[in-house]
Amino acid sequence: MFSSQTFFSFFPLLASGALVTLEITLLAIILSAIISFTFGLMRLSRFRFVRILATVYVEVFRGTSLLIQLFWLYFALPMLLDIQIPAMTAAVIALGLNYGAYGSEVVRSSVLSVPKGQYEAAIALNMSPYGRMRRILLPQAFVRMLPSFGNLQIELLKGTSLVYLITLTDLTYQGMILRTFDSSKTTEIFTSMLILYFILSYALTLIIRYMERRTIRGRY
């Protein structure tokens, strides 16, 4: 039966894994945010080639498995280039590229959801395309992006559970190690993992909610 004593006996090892999970998550969130805005805005470009390039990236990474992307970066790409990619680097890149593809759609749709009158007013004021995007469209679109970005961050956190398959000692890896040593504690181990994953995901949720409140307060 699960007890607090059991949880705290597992805690040191699981906590070390949770720190690795958190590190991967934060780095991948930063990378995916950069990719999201880059390719989201590229899909709105007036240049057809740029739009096609961005669309190919989005469709490829949304249409293939994150696990296969992870394996390809860590196992296949080094064989092609004759170099060794560190596991942490491969994990961050795979997660960033995968969730960046989803995030780019959030950026694109959020910008398009800004009332057309705002865009027309910016043109009437003779603002440059860059000025229209930076001062008119993106500030309004950003408010619309936050809830969806929050969901993607939670999904990204959960996606990190795959990185133990490329030998990273994350939370899932440490849980599997504990289970290997004592399979009779399987229920307690996985319950402890559930608790820690929930704590991490809820912390991300609170951060997004805080950002939403600050953003809305700044606009109204």
N, C-alpha and C. Protein backbone atom coordinates (compact mmCIF):
# COMPACT_ATOMS: atom_id res chain seq x y z
N MET A 1 0.84 -1.19 0.00
CA MET A 1 0.00 0.00 0.00
C MET A 1 0.89 1.26 0.00
N PHE A 2 0.48 2.26 -0.81
CA PHE A 2 1.29 3.47 -0.94
C PHE A 2 1.23 4.29 0.35
N SER A 3 2.40 4.78 0.78
CA SER A 3 2.46 5.60 1.99
C SER A 3 3.48 6.71 1.77
N SER A 4 3.38 7.73 2.62
CA SER A 4 4.33 8.84 2.52
C SER A 4 5.75 8.38 2.78
N GLN A 5 5.90 7.39 3.68
CA GLN A 5 7.23 6.86 3.97
C GLN A 5 7.84 6.23 2.73
N THR A 6 7.02 5.48 1.99
CA THR A 6 7.48 4.86 0.75
C THR A 6 7.89 5.93 -0.26
N PHE A 7 7.06 6.97 -0.39
CA PHE A 7 7.35 8.05 -1.33
C PHE A 7 8.69 8.71 -1.01
N PHE A 8 8.92 9.02 0.26
CA PHE A 8 10.15 9.70 0.62
C PHE A 8 11.38 8.79 0.52
N SER A 9 11.18 7.50 0.57
CA SER A 9 12.31 6.60 0.37
C SER A 9 12.75 6.60 -1.09
N PHE A 10 11.78 6.82 -2.02
CA PHE A 10 12.09 6.89 -3.43
C PHE A 10 12.53 8.30 -3.85
N PHE A 11 12.20 9.28 -3.04
CA PHE A 11 12.28 10.68 -3.46
C PHE A 11 13.66 11.13 -3.94
N PRO A 12 14.76 10.83 -3.24
CA PRO A 12 16.07 11.35 -3.68
C PRO A 12 16.40 10.98 -5.13
N LEU A 13 16.20 9.72 -5.48
CA LEU A 13 16.52 9.28 -6.85
C LEU A 13 15.55 9.89 -7.86
N LEU A 14 14.26 9.88 -7.51
CA LEU A 14 13.26 10.44 -8.43
C LEU A 14 13.44 11.95 -8.57
N ALA A 15 13.83 12.61 -7.49
CA ALA A 15 14.03 14.06 -7.55
C ALA A 15 15.19 14.42 -8.48
N SER A 16 16.25 13.62 -8.46
CA SER A 16 17.37 13.88 -9.37
C SER A 16 16.92 13.71 -10.82
N GLY A 17 16.06 12.71 -11.06
CA GLY A 17 15.51 12.54 -12.39
C GLY A 17 14.58 13.67 -12.78
N ALA A 18 13.82 14.17 -11.80
CA ALA A 18 12.89 15.28 -12.08
C ALA A 18 13.66 16.54 -12.47
N LEU A 19 14.84 16.75 -11.90
CA LEU A 19 15.66 17.91 -12.26
C LEU A 19 16.13 17.82 -13.70
N VAL A 20 16.49 16.62 -14.13
CA VAL A 20 16.88 16.42 -15.54
C VAL A 20 15.68 16.66 -16.45
N THR A 21 14.52 16.14 -16.05
CA THR A 21 13.30 16.37 -16.82
C THR A 21 12.99 17.86 -16.94
N LEU A 22 13.14 18.57 -15.83
CA LEU A 22 12.88 20.01 -15.83
C LEU A 22 13.86 20.75 -16.73
N GLU A 23 15.12 20.36 -16.69
CA GLU A 23 16.13 21.01 -17.54
C GLU A 23 15.82 20.81 -19.01
N ILE A 24 15.49 19.57 -19.38
CA ILE A 24 15.14 19.28 -20.77
C ILE A 24 13.91 20.07 -21.18
N THR A 25 12.91 20.11 -20.30
CA THR A 25 11.67 20.82 -20.60
C THR A 25 11.90 22.30 -20.85
N LEU A 26 12.65 22.95 -19.97
CA LEU A 26 12.87 24.39 -20.11
C LEU A 26 13.67 24.71 -21.37
N LEU A 27 14.70 23.94 -21.65
CA LEU A 27 15.49 24.18 -22.86
C LEU A 27 14.66 23.94 -24.12
N ALA A 28 13.85 22.88 -24.10
CA ALA A 28 13.02 22.57 -25.27
C ALA A 28 11.92 23.61 -25.45
N ILE A 29 11.38 24.15 -24.36
CA ILE A 29 10.37 25.21 -24.46
C ILE A 29 10.97 26.44 -25.12
N ILE A 30 12.19 26.82 -24.72
CA ILE A 30 12.84 27.98 -25.33
C ILE A 30 13.05 27.76 -26.83
N LEU A 31 13.57 26.57 -27.19
CA LEU A 31 13.80 26.27 -28.60
C LEU A 31 12.49 26.23 -29.38
N SER A 32 11.48 25.59 -28.82
CA SER A 32 10.20 25.48 -29.53
C SER A 32 9.53 26.84 -29.69
N ALA A 33 9.71 27.74 -28.72
CA ALA A 33 9.14 29.09 -28.85
C ALA A 33 9.79 29.85 -30.00
N ILE A 34 11.12 29.75 -30.09
CA ILE A 34 11.83 30.40 -31.19
C ILE A 34 11.36 29.85 -32.53
N ILE A 35 11.27 28.53 -32.62
CA ILE A 35 10.84 27.89 -33.86
C ILE A 35 9.39 28.24 -34.17
N SER A 36 8.55 28.27 -33.14
CA SER A 36 7.13 28.57 -33.34
C SER A 36 6.94 29.93 -34.01
N PHE A 37 7.60 30.95 -33.47
CA PHE A 37 7.45 32.29 -34.03
C PHE A 37 8.11 32.40 -35.40
N THR A 38 9.26 31.77 -35.55
CA THR A 38 9.96 31.84 -36.84
C THR A 38 9.13 31.24 -37.96
N PHE A 39 8.71 30.00 -37.78
CA PHE A 39 7.98 29.31 -38.85
C PHE A 39 6.52 29.74 -38.92
N GLY A 40 5.96 30.17 -37.78
CA GLY A 40 4.60 30.69 -37.84
C GLY A 40 4.51 31.94 -38.68
N LEU A 41 5.49 32.83 -38.52
CA LEU A 41 5.51 34.06 -39.33
C LEU A 41 5.94 33.77 -40.76
N MET A 42 6.80 32.76 -40.94
CA MET A 42 7.17 32.38 -42.31
C MET A 42 5.96 31.91 -43.10
N ARG A 43 5.02 31.25 -42.44
CA ARG A 43 3.82 30.78 -43.13
C ARG A 43 2.89 31.91 -43.52
N LEU A 44 3.16 33.09 -42.99
CA LEU A 44 2.37 34.27 -43.36
C LEU A 44 3.12 35.16 -44.36
N SER A 45 4.29 34.70 -44.78
CA SER A 45 5.11 35.49 -45.68
C SER A 45 4.42 35.71 -47.03
N ARG A 46 4.73 36.81 -47.66
CA ARG A 46 4.19 37.08 -49.00
C ARG A 46 4.96 36.32 -50.08
N PHE A 47 6.08 35.72 -49.69
CA PHE A 47 6.90 34.96 -50.64
C PHE A 47 6.48 33.49 -50.62
N ARG A 48 6.12 32.98 -51.76
CA ARG A 48 5.58 31.62 -51.86
C ARG A 48 6.61 30.58 -51.42
N PHE A 49 7.87 30.76 -51.81
CA PHE A 49 8.90 29.78 -51.45
C PHE A 49 9.06 29.67 -49.94
N VAL A 50 9.01 30.81 -49.25
CA VAL A 50 9.14 30.81 -47.79
C VAL A 50 7.96 30.08 -47.16
N ARG A 51 6.76 30.33 -47.67
CA ARG A 51 5.58 29.65 -47.14
C ARG A 51 5.66 28.14 -47.36
N ILE A 52 6.12 27.73 -48.53
CA ILE A 52 6.24 26.29 -48.84
C ILE A 52 7.27 25.64 -47.92
N LEU A 53 8.41 26.30 -47.74
CA LEU A 53 9.46 25.76 -46.87
C LEU A 53 8.94 25.55 -45.45
N ALA A 54 8.23 26.54 -44.93
CA ALA A 54 7.68 26.44 -43.57
C ALA A 54 6.62 25.35 -43.49
N THR A 55 5.80 25.25 -44.52
CA THR A 55 4.73 24.25 -44.53
C THR A 55 5.30 22.83 -44.55
N VAL A 56 6.37 22.62 -45.33
CA VAL A 56 7.00 21.30 -45.38
C VAL A 56 7.52 20.91 -44.00
N TYR A 57 8.20 21.83 -43.33
CA TYR A 57 8.70 21.55 -41.98
C TYR A 57 7.55 21.18 -41.04
N VAL A 58 6.50 21.99 -41.04
CA VAL A 58 5.38 21.77 -40.12
C VAL A 58 4.72 20.42 -40.38
N GLU A 59 4.46 20.11 -41.65
CA GLU A 59 3.76 18.86 -41.96
C GLU A 59 4.62 17.64 -41.64
N VAL A 60 5.93 17.73 -41.88
CA VAL A 60 6.81 16.60 -41.60
C VAL A 60 6.88 16.31 -40.11
N PHE A 61 7.06 17.34 -39.31
CA PHE A 61 7.24 17.11 -37.87
C PHE A 61 5.92 16.87 -37.16
N ARG A 62 4.81 17.36 -37.69
CA ARG A 62 3.52 17.03 -37.09
C ARG A 62 3.04 15.66 -37.54
N GLY A 63 3.52 15.23 -38.70
CA GLY A 63 3.02 13.98 -39.28
C GLY A 63 3.85 12.76 -38.97
N THR A 64 4.94 12.92 -38.21
CA THR A 64 5.77 11.78 -37.85
C THR A 64 5.89 11.68 -36.33
N SER A 65 6.27 10.52 -35.86
CA SER A 65 6.33 10.23 -34.43
C SER A 65 7.48 10.95 -33.75
N LEU A 66 7.22 11.52 -32.59
CA LEU A 66 8.28 12.14 -31.79
C LEU A 66 9.34 11.11 -31.43
N LEU A 67 8.93 9.90 -31.13
CA LEU A 67 9.88 8.84 -30.76
C LEU A 67 10.84 8.56 -31.91
N ILE A 68 10.30 8.46 -33.13
CA ILE A 68 11.15 8.20 -34.30
C ILE A 68 12.07 9.38 -34.56
N GLN A 69 11.57 10.60 -34.38
CA GLN A 69 12.42 11.78 -34.55
C GLN A 69 13.56 11.76 -33.55
N LEU A 70 13.27 11.36 -32.33
CA LEU A 70 14.29 11.28 -31.28
C LEU A 70 15.34 10.23 -31.64
N PHE A 71 14.89 9.06 -32.06
CA PHE A 71 15.82 8.00 -32.45
C PHE A 71 16.64 8.41 -33.67
N TRP A 72 16.00 9.09 -34.61
CA TRP A 72 16.69 9.49 -35.83
C TRP A 72 17.82 10.46 -35.51
N LEU A 73 17.55 11.41 -34.64
CA LEU A 73 18.58 12.39 -34.27
C LEU A 73 19.71 11.76 -33.48
N TYR A 74 19.38 10.83 -32.61
CA TYR A 74 20.39 10.27 -31.72
C TYR A 74 21.15 9.09 -32.33
N PHE A 75 20.44 8.27 -33.12
CA PHE A 75 21.08 7.07 -33.66
C PHE A 75 21.42 7.18 -35.15
N ALA A 76 20.48 7.69 -35.97
CA ALA A 76 20.68 7.68 -37.42
C ALA A 76 21.54 8.84 -37.91
N LEU A 77 21.24 10.06 -37.46
CA LEU A 77 21.98 11.23 -37.95
C LEU A 77 23.48 11.14 -37.66
N PRO A 78 23.89 10.72 -36.45
CA PRO A 78 25.34 10.58 -36.20
C PRO A 78 26.03 9.61 -37.16
N MET A 79 25.31 8.57 -37.60
CA MET A 79 25.89 7.63 -38.55
C MET A 79 26.07 8.27 -39.91
N LEU A 80 25.14 9.16 -40.28
CA LEU A 80 25.24 9.84 -41.57
C LEU A 80 26.36 10.87 -41.56
N LEU A 81 26.50 11.59 -40.45
CA LEU A 81 27.48 12.68 -40.36
C LEU A 81 28.79 12.25 -39.72
N ASP A 82 28.83 11.03 -39.22
CA ASP A 82 30.01 10.51 -38.54
C ASP A 82 30.41 11.37 -37.34
N ILE A 83 29.40 11.79 -36.58
CA ILE A 83 29.63 12.54 -35.34
C ILE A 83 28.70 11.96 -34.27
N GLN A 84 29.03 12.24 -33.04
CA GLN A 84 28.18 11.79 -31.93
C GLN A 84 27.45 12.98 -31.32
N ILE A 85 26.12 12.94 -31.36
CA ILE A 85 25.32 14.00 -30.77
C ILE A 85 25.00 13.64 -29.33
N PRO A 86 25.32 14.50 -28.36
CA PRO A 86 25.00 14.19 -26.96
C PRO A 86 23.51 13.93 -26.79
N ALA A 87 23.18 13.04 -25.87
CA ALA A 87 21.78 12.67 -25.65
C ALA A 87 20.93 13.87 -25.28
N MET A 88 21.45 14.74 -24.42
CA MET A 88 20.71 15.92 -24.02
C MET A 88 20.41 16.83 -25.21
N THR A 89 21.41 17.02 -26.07
CA THR A 89 21.22 17.86 -27.26
C THR A 89 20.18 17.26 -28.18
N ALA A 90 20.27 15.95 -28.42
CA ALA A 90 19.30 15.28 -29.29
C ALA A 90 17.88 15.40 -28.74
N ALA A 91 17.74 15.25 -27.42
CA ALA A 91 16.42 15.33 -26.79
C ALA A 91 15.82 16.72 -26.94
N VAL A 92 16.62 17.74 -26.65
CA VAL A 92 16.13 19.13 -26.73
C VAL A 92 15.76 19.49 -28.16
N ILE A 93 16.61 19.09 -29.12
CA ILE A 93 16.33 19.42 -30.52
C ILE A 93 15.07 18.71 -31.00
N ALA A 94 14.94 17.42 -30.68
CA ALA A 94 13.76 16.66 -31.12
C ALA A 94 12.48 17.24 -30.54
N LEU A 95 12.49 17.51 -29.25
CA LEU A 95 11.30 18.08 -28.61
C LEU A 95 11.02 19.48 -29.14
N GLY A 96 12.07 20.29 -29.30
CA GLY A 96 11.89 21.65 -29.80
C GLY A 96 11.32 21.67 -31.20
N LEU A 97 11.86 20.82 -32.08
CA LEU A 97 11.37 20.78 -33.46
C LEU A 97 9.94 20.25 -33.54
N ASN A 98 9.65 19.22 -32.75
CA ASN A 98 8.32 18.63 -32.80
C ASN A 98 7.25 19.60 -32.29
N TYR A 99 7.46 20.14 -31.11
CA TYR A 99 6.44 21.03 -30.54
C TYR A 99 6.51 22.42 -31.16
N GLY A 100 7.66 22.77 -31.75
CA GLY A 100 7.72 24.02 -32.50
C GLY A 100 6.83 23.99 -33.72
N ALA A 101 6.69 22.81 -34.32
CA ALA A 101 5.80 22.67 -35.48
C ALA A 101 4.35 22.93 -35.09
N TYR A 102 3.95 22.39 -33.95
CA TYR A 102 2.59 22.65 -33.46
C TYR A 102 2.44 24.12 -33.04
N GLY A 103 3.48 24.65 -32.40
CA GLY A 103 3.42 26.03 -31.96
C GLY A 103 3.35 27.02 -33.11
N SER A 104 3.97 26.68 -34.23
CA SER A 104 3.93 27.59 -35.38
C SER A 104 2.50 27.78 -35.89
N GLU A 105 1.71 26.71 -35.78
CA GLU A 105 0.30 26.83 -36.16
C GLU A 105 -0.46 27.73 -35.20
N VAL A 106 -0.09 27.68 -33.94
CA VAL A 106 -0.71 28.57 -32.94
C VAL A 106 -0.40 30.02 -33.28
N VAL A 107 0.87 30.30 -33.61
CA VAL A 107 1.27 31.66 -33.97
C VAL A 107 0.53 32.13 -35.22
N ARG A 108 0.54 31.29 -36.24
CA ARG A 108 -0.10 31.67 -37.51
C ARG A 108 -1.59 31.96 -37.33
N SER A 109 -2.29 31.05 -36.65
CA SER A 109 -3.73 31.22 -36.50
C SER A 109 -4.06 32.40 -35.59
N SER A 110 -3.21 32.65 -34.59
CA SER A 110 -3.46 33.76 -33.67
C SER A 110 -3.29 35.10 -34.37
N VAL A 111 -2.27 35.22 -35.22
CA VAL A 111 -2.06 36.45 -35.97
C VAL A 111 -3.23 36.68 -36.93
N LEU A 112 -3.67 35.61 -37.58
CA LEU A 112 -4.79 35.73 -38.53
C LEU A 112 -6.10 36.07 -37.82
N SER A 113 -6.19 35.75 -36.52
CA SER A 113 -7.43 36.01 -35.79
C SER A 113 -7.58 37.47 -35.36
N VAL A 114 -6.50 38.25 -35.47
CA VAL A 114 -6.60 39.68 -35.14
C VAL A 114 -7.56 40.34 -36.13
N PRO A 115 -8.52 41.13 -35.64
CA PRO A 115 -9.49 41.75 -36.54
C PRO A 115 -8.83 42.47 -37.72
N LYS A 116 -9.39 42.28 -38.89
CA LYS A 116 -8.81 42.85 -40.11
C LYS A 116 -8.73 44.37 -40.04
N GLY A 117 -9.65 44.96 -39.30
CA GLY A 117 -9.66 46.42 -39.17
C GLY A 117 -8.39 46.96 -38.56
N GLN A 118 -7.78 46.18 -37.64
CA GLN A 118 -6.53 46.58 -37.02
C GLN A 118 -5.41 46.67 -38.06
N TYR A 119 -5.39 45.69 -38.93
CA TYR A 119 -4.39 45.65 -39.99
C TYR A 119 -4.58 46.81 -40.95
N GLU A 120 -5.84 47.05 -41.31
CA GLU A 120 -6.13 48.14 -42.25
C GLU A 120 -5.81 49.49 -41.64
N ALA A 121 -6.06 49.64 -40.34
CA ALA A 121 -5.75 50.91 -39.68
C ALA A 121 -4.24 51.16 -39.66
N ALA A 122 -3.46 50.08 -39.46
CA ALA A 122 -2.00 50.22 -39.47
C ALA A 122 -1.50 50.64 -40.85
N ILE A 123 -2.11 50.10 -41.89
CA ILE A 123 -1.74 50.49 -43.25
C ILE A 123 -2.08 51.95 -43.48
N ALA A 124 -3.27 52.36 -42.99
CA ALA A 124 -3.70 53.75 -43.17
C ALA A 124 -2.75 54.73 -42.47
N LEU A 125 -2.12 54.26 -41.40
CA LEU A 125 -1.16 55.10 -40.68
C LEU A 125 0.24 55.03 -41.31
N ASN A 126 0.32 54.34 -42.45
CA ASN A 126 1.57 54.24 -43.21
C ASN A 126 2.68 53.53 -42.42
N MET A 127 2.29 52.53 -41.64
CA MET A 127 3.28 51.76 -40.89
C MET A 127 3.91 50.71 -41.80
N SER A 128 5.18 50.43 -41.57
CA SER A 128 5.89 49.42 -42.35
C SER A 128 5.37 48.03 -41.96
N PRO A 129 5.60 47.02 -42.83
CA PRO A 129 5.16 45.66 -42.48
C PRO A 129 5.73 45.20 -41.14
N TYR A 130 7.00 45.51 -40.88
CA TYR A 130 7.62 45.15 -39.61
C TYR A 130 6.94 45.87 -38.44
N GLY A 131 6.67 47.15 -38.64
CA GLY A 131 6.02 47.93 -37.58
C GLY A 131 4.61 47.44 -37.31
N ARG A 132 3.90 47.07 -38.36
CA ARG A 132 2.53 46.55 -38.19
C ARG A 132 2.56 45.26 -37.37
N MET A 133 3.52 44.40 -37.70
CA MET A 133 3.59 43.12 -37.01
C MET A 133 4.02 43.31 -35.56
N ARG A 134 5.03 44.12 -35.32
CA ARG A 134 5.60 44.27 -33.98
C ARG A 134 4.69 45.06 -33.04
N ARG A 135 4.06 46.12 -33.55
CA ARG A 135 3.33 47.04 -32.68
C ARG A 135 1.82 46.81 -32.67
N ILE A 136 1.29 46.19 -33.69
CA ILE A 136 -0.17 46.02 -33.79
C ILE A 136 -0.60 44.57 -33.71
N LEU A 137 -0.09 43.74 -34.62
CA LEU A 137 -0.59 42.38 -34.74
C LEU A 137 -0.09 41.44 -33.63
N LEU A 138 1.23 41.39 -33.42
CA LEU A 138 1.76 40.44 -32.43
C LEU A 138 1.29 40.71 -31.00
N PRO A 139 1.26 41.97 -30.54
CA PRO A 139 0.77 42.18 -29.17
C PRO A 139 -0.65 41.65 -28.95
N GLN A 140 -1.51 41.82 -29.94
CA GLN A 140 -2.88 41.32 -29.81
C GLN A 140 -2.93 39.80 -29.97
N ALA A 141 -2.12 39.28 -30.90
CA ALA A 141 -2.12 37.84 -31.13
C ALA A 141 -1.52 37.08 -29.95
N PHE A 142 -0.56 37.71 -29.26
CA PHE A 142 0.12 37.02 -28.17
C PHE A 142 -0.86 36.63 -27.06
N VAL A 143 -1.84 37.50 -26.79
CA VAL A 143 -2.85 37.19 -25.78
C VAL A 143 -3.61 35.93 -26.17
N ARG A 144 -3.88 35.76 -27.45
CA ARG A 144 -4.60 34.59 -27.93
C ARG A 144 -3.74 33.34 -27.94
N MET A 145 -2.43 33.52 -28.04
CA MET A 145 -1.51 32.37 -28.11
C MET A 145 -1.32 31.68 -26.76
N LEU A 146 -1.36 32.45 -25.68
CA LEU A 146 -0.94 31.93 -24.38
C LEU A 146 -1.65 30.64 -23.95
N PRO A 147 -2.99 30.56 -24.02
CA PRO A 147 -3.63 29.31 -23.58
C PRO A 147 -3.15 28.09 -24.37
N SER A 148 -3.03 28.25 -25.69
CA SER A 148 -2.57 27.13 -26.52
C SER A 148 -1.12 26.80 -26.25
N PHE A 149 -0.30 27.83 -26.07
CA PHE A 149 1.10 27.59 -25.72
C PHE A 149 1.22 26.87 -24.37
N GLY A 150 0.34 27.22 -23.45
CA GLY A 150 0.35 26.54 -22.16
C GLY A 150 0.08 25.06 -22.30
N ASN A 151 -0.91 24.72 -23.13
CA ASN A 151 -1.21 23.31 -23.37
C ASN A 151 -0.04 22.58 -24.02
N LEU A 152 0.61 23.26 -24.97
CA LEU A 152 1.75 22.64 -25.64
C LEU A 152 2.91 22.41 -24.67
N GLN A 153 3.10 23.32 -23.73
CA GLN A 153 4.17 23.15 -22.75
C GLN A 153 3.92 21.93 -21.88
N ILE A 154 2.67 21.73 -21.50
CA ILE A 154 2.34 20.55 -20.69
C ILE A 154 2.57 19.27 -21.51
N GLU A 155 2.17 19.30 -22.78
CA GLU A 155 2.40 18.15 -23.64
C GLU A 155 3.89 17.89 -23.83
N LEU A 156 4.68 18.97 -23.94
CA LEU A 156 6.12 18.82 -24.09
C LEU A 156 6.72 18.17 -22.85
N LEU A 157 6.28 18.62 -21.69
CA LEU A 157 6.76 18.02 -20.44
C LEU A 157 6.49 16.52 -20.43
N LYS A 158 5.29 16.14 -20.80
CA LYS A 158 4.95 14.72 -20.82
C LYS A 158 5.74 13.97 -21.89
N GLY A 159 6.05 14.68 -22.99
CA GLY A 159 6.84 14.06 -24.05
C GLY A 159 8.26 13.74 -23.63
N THR A 160 8.76 14.42 -22.60
CA THR A 160 10.13 14.13 -22.14
C THR A 160 10.26 12.73 -21.57
N SER A 161 9.15 12.09 -21.27
CA SER A 161 9.23 10.73 -20.72
C SER A 161 9.83 9.74 -21.72
N LEU A 162 9.94 10.15 -22.98
CA LEU A 162 10.53 9.27 -24.00
C LEU A 162 12.05 9.31 -24.00
N VAL A 163 12.63 10.36 -23.40
CA VAL A 163 14.07 10.54 -23.55
C VAL A 163 14.88 9.50 -22.78
N TYR A 164 14.25 8.78 -21.87
CA TYR A 164 14.99 7.73 -21.16
C TYR A 164 15.42 6.63 -22.11
N LEU A 165 14.76 6.55 -23.28
CA LEU A 165 15.10 5.54 -24.27
C LEU A 165 16.43 5.82 -24.97
N ILE A 166 16.95 7.06 -24.81
CA ILE A 166 18.28 7.36 -25.34
C ILE A 166 19.25 7.61 -24.18
N THR A 167 18.98 6.96 -23.08
CA THR A 167 19.88 6.87 -21.90
C THR A 167 19.93 8.12 -21.03
N LEU A 168 19.07 9.07 -21.21
CA LEU A 168 19.04 10.22 -20.31
C LEU A 168 18.40 9.82 -18.99
N THR A 169 19.03 10.24 -17.90
CA THR A 169 18.56 9.82 -16.57
C THR A 169 17.46 10.75 -16.05
N ASP A 170 16.36 10.82 -16.78
CA ASP A 170 15.25 11.68 -16.39
C ASP A 170 14.38 10.98 -15.35
N LEU A 171 13.23 11.57 -15.07
CA LEU A 171 12.34 11.02 -14.05
C LEU A 171 11.88 9.61 -14.41
N THR A 172 11.49 9.39 -15.66
CA THR A 172 11.04 8.06 -16.08
C THR A 172 12.16 7.03 -15.97
N TYR A 173 13.36 7.42 -16.38
CA TYR A 173 14.51 6.52 -16.29
C TYR A 173 14.76 6.08 -14.85
N GLN A 174 14.74 7.05 -13.93
CA GLN A 174 14.99 6.72 -12.53
C GLN A 174 13.91 5.82 -11.97
N GLY A 175 12.67 6.06 -12.40
CA GLY A 175 11.58 5.19 -11.96
C GLY A 175 11.76 3.77 -12.45
N MET A 176 12.20 3.62 -13.69
CA MET A 176 12.43 2.29 -14.24
C MET A 176 13.58 1.58 -13.52
N ILE A 177 14.60 2.34 -13.15
CA ILE A 177 15.72 1.76 -12.40
C ILE A 177 15.25 1.24 -11.04
N LEU A 178 14.44 2.05 -10.35
CA LEU A 178 13.90 1.62 -9.06
C LEU A 178 13.06 0.35 -9.21
N ARG A 179 12.28 0.29 -10.27
CA ARG A 179 11.42 -0.87 -10.49
C ARG A 179 12.26 -2.11 -10.79
N THR A 180 13.40 -1.92 -11.46
CA THR A 180 14.28 -3.05 -11.76
C THR A 180 14.83 -3.67 -10.48
N PHE A 181 15.15 -2.82 -9.51
CA PHE A 181 15.70 -3.31 -8.25
C PHE A 181 14.64 -3.96 -7.36
N ASP A 182 13.39 -3.46 -7.45
CA ASP A 182 12.34 -4.01 -6.59
C ASP A 182 10.99 -3.91 -7.30
N SER A 183 10.68 -4.93 -8.09
CA SER A 183 9.44 -4.92 -8.88
C SER A 183 8.20 -5.02 -8.00
N SER A 184 8.36 -5.44 -6.75
CA SER A 184 7.20 -5.53 -5.85
C SER A 184 6.67 -4.14 -5.48
N LYS A 185 7.49 -3.11 -5.70
CA LYS A 185 7.10 -1.74 -5.39
C LYS A 185 6.62 -0.98 -6.63
N THR A 186 6.22 -1.72 -7.68
CA THR A 186 5.84 -1.08 -8.94
C THR A 186 4.75 -0.03 -8.75
N THR A 187 3.71 -0.37 -8.00
CA THR A 187 2.60 0.57 -7.79
C THR A 187 3.08 1.85 -7.11
N GLU A 188 3.88 1.67 -6.06
CA GLU A 188 4.38 2.83 -5.32
C GLU A 188 5.30 3.70 -6.18
N ILE A 189 6.14 3.05 -6.98
CA ILE A 189 7.08 3.79 -7.83
C ILE A 189 6.34 4.62 -8.87
N PHE A 190 5.40 4.00 -9.56
CA PHE A 190 4.68 4.72 -10.60
C PHE A 190 3.74 5.79 -10.01
N THR A 191 3.22 5.53 -8.82
CA THR A 191 2.41 6.57 -8.16
C THR A 191 3.27 7.77 -7.80
N SER A 192 4.47 7.51 -7.32
CA SER A 192 5.40 8.60 -7.00
C SER A 192 5.75 9.39 -8.26
N MET A 193 5.94 8.70 -9.35
CA MET A 193 6.24 9.38 -10.63
C MET A 193 5.06 10.24 -11.07
N LEU A 194 3.86 9.71 -10.91
CA LEU A 194 2.66 10.49 -11.26
C LEU A 194 2.60 11.78 -10.46
N ILE A 195 2.89 11.67 -9.17
CA ILE A 195 2.85 12.86 -8.30
C ILE A 195 3.85 13.91 -8.76
N LEU A 196 5.08 13.48 -9.07
CA LEU A 196 6.12 14.42 -9.47
C LEU A 196 5.82 15.04 -10.83
N TYR A 197 5.33 14.24 -11.77
CA TYR A 197 4.95 14.80 -13.07
C TYR A 197 3.82 15.81 -12.92
N PHE A 198 2.88 15.50 -12.03
CA PHE A 198 1.77 16.44 -11.81
C PHE A 198 2.28 17.75 -11.22
N ILE A 199 3.20 17.67 -10.26
CA ILE A 199 3.75 18.89 -9.65
C ILE A 199 4.42 19.75 -10.71
N LEU A 200 5.22 19.13 -11.57
CA LEU A 200 5.91 19.88 -12.62
C LEU A 200 4.93 20.51 -13.61
N SER A 201 3.94 19.73 -14.03
CA SER A 201 2.98 20.26 -15.00
C SER A 201 2.10 21.35 -14.40
N TYR A 202 1.75 21.21 -13.12
CA TYR A 202 0.92 22.23 -12.48
C TYR A 202 1.71 23.52 -12.29
N ALA A 203 3.01 23.40 -12.04
CA ALA A 203 3.85 24.59 -11.94
C ALA A 203 3.88 25.35 -13.27
N LEU A 204 3.97 24.62 -14.37
CA LEU A 204 3.93 25.26 -15.69
C LEU A 204 2.57 25.93 -15.93
N THR A 205 1.50 25.26 -15.49
CA THR A 205 0.16 25.83 -15.63
C THR A 205 0.03 27.15 -14.89
N LEU A 206 0.56 27.20 -13.67
CA LEU A 206 0.49 28.42 -12.87
C LEU A 206 1.27 29.57 -13.53
N ILE A 207 2.41 29.23 -14.11
CA ILE A 207 3.23 30.26 -14.78
C ILE A 207 2.46 30.85 -15.97
N ILE A 208 1.83 29.99 -16.77
CA ILE A 208 1.06 30.46 -17.92
C ILE A 208 -0.13 31.31 -17.47
N ARG A 209 -0.81 30.89 -16.42
CA ARG A 209 -1.95 31.67 -15.92
C ARG A 209 -1.49 33.04 -15.44
N TYR A 210 -0.34 33.08 -14.79
CA TYR A 210 0.21 34.36 -14.33
C TYR A 210 0.51 35.26 -15.52
N MET A 211 1.10 34.69 -16.56
CA MET A 211 1.41 35.47 -17.76
C MET A 211 0.14 35.98 -18.43
N GLU A 212 -0.90 35.15 -18.44
CA GLU A 212 -2.17 35.57 -19.03
C GLU A 212 -2.75 36.76 -18.26
N ARG A 213 -2.71 36.68 -16.94
CA ARG A 213 -3.25 37.79 -16.14
C ARG A 213 -2.46 39.07 -16.35
N ARG A 214 -1.14 38.95 -16.40
CA ARG A 214 -0.30 40.14 -16.60
C ARG A 214 -0.52 40.75 -17.98
N THR A 215 -0.67 39.89 -18.97
CA THR A 215 -0.87 40.38 -20.33
C THR A 215 -2.20 41.09 -20.48
N ILE A 216 -3.25 40.48 -19.93
CA ILE A 216 -4.59 41.08 -20.02
C ILE A 216 -4.64 42.37 -19.23
N ARG A 217 -4.01 42.39 -18.03
CA ARG A 217 -4.01 43.58 -17.21
C ARG A 217 -3.29 44.73 -17.92
N GLY A 218 -2.28 44.39 -18.70
CA GLY A 218 -1.54 45.42 -19.41
C GLY A 218 -2.28 46.01 -20.59
N ARG A 219 -3.33 45.29 -21.01
CA ARG A 219 -4.05 45.75 -22.20
C ARG A 219 -5.38 46.42 -21.86
N TYR A 220 -5.91 46.13 -20.68
CA TYR A 220 -7.24 46.68 -20.35
C TYR A 220 -7.19 47.49 -19.06
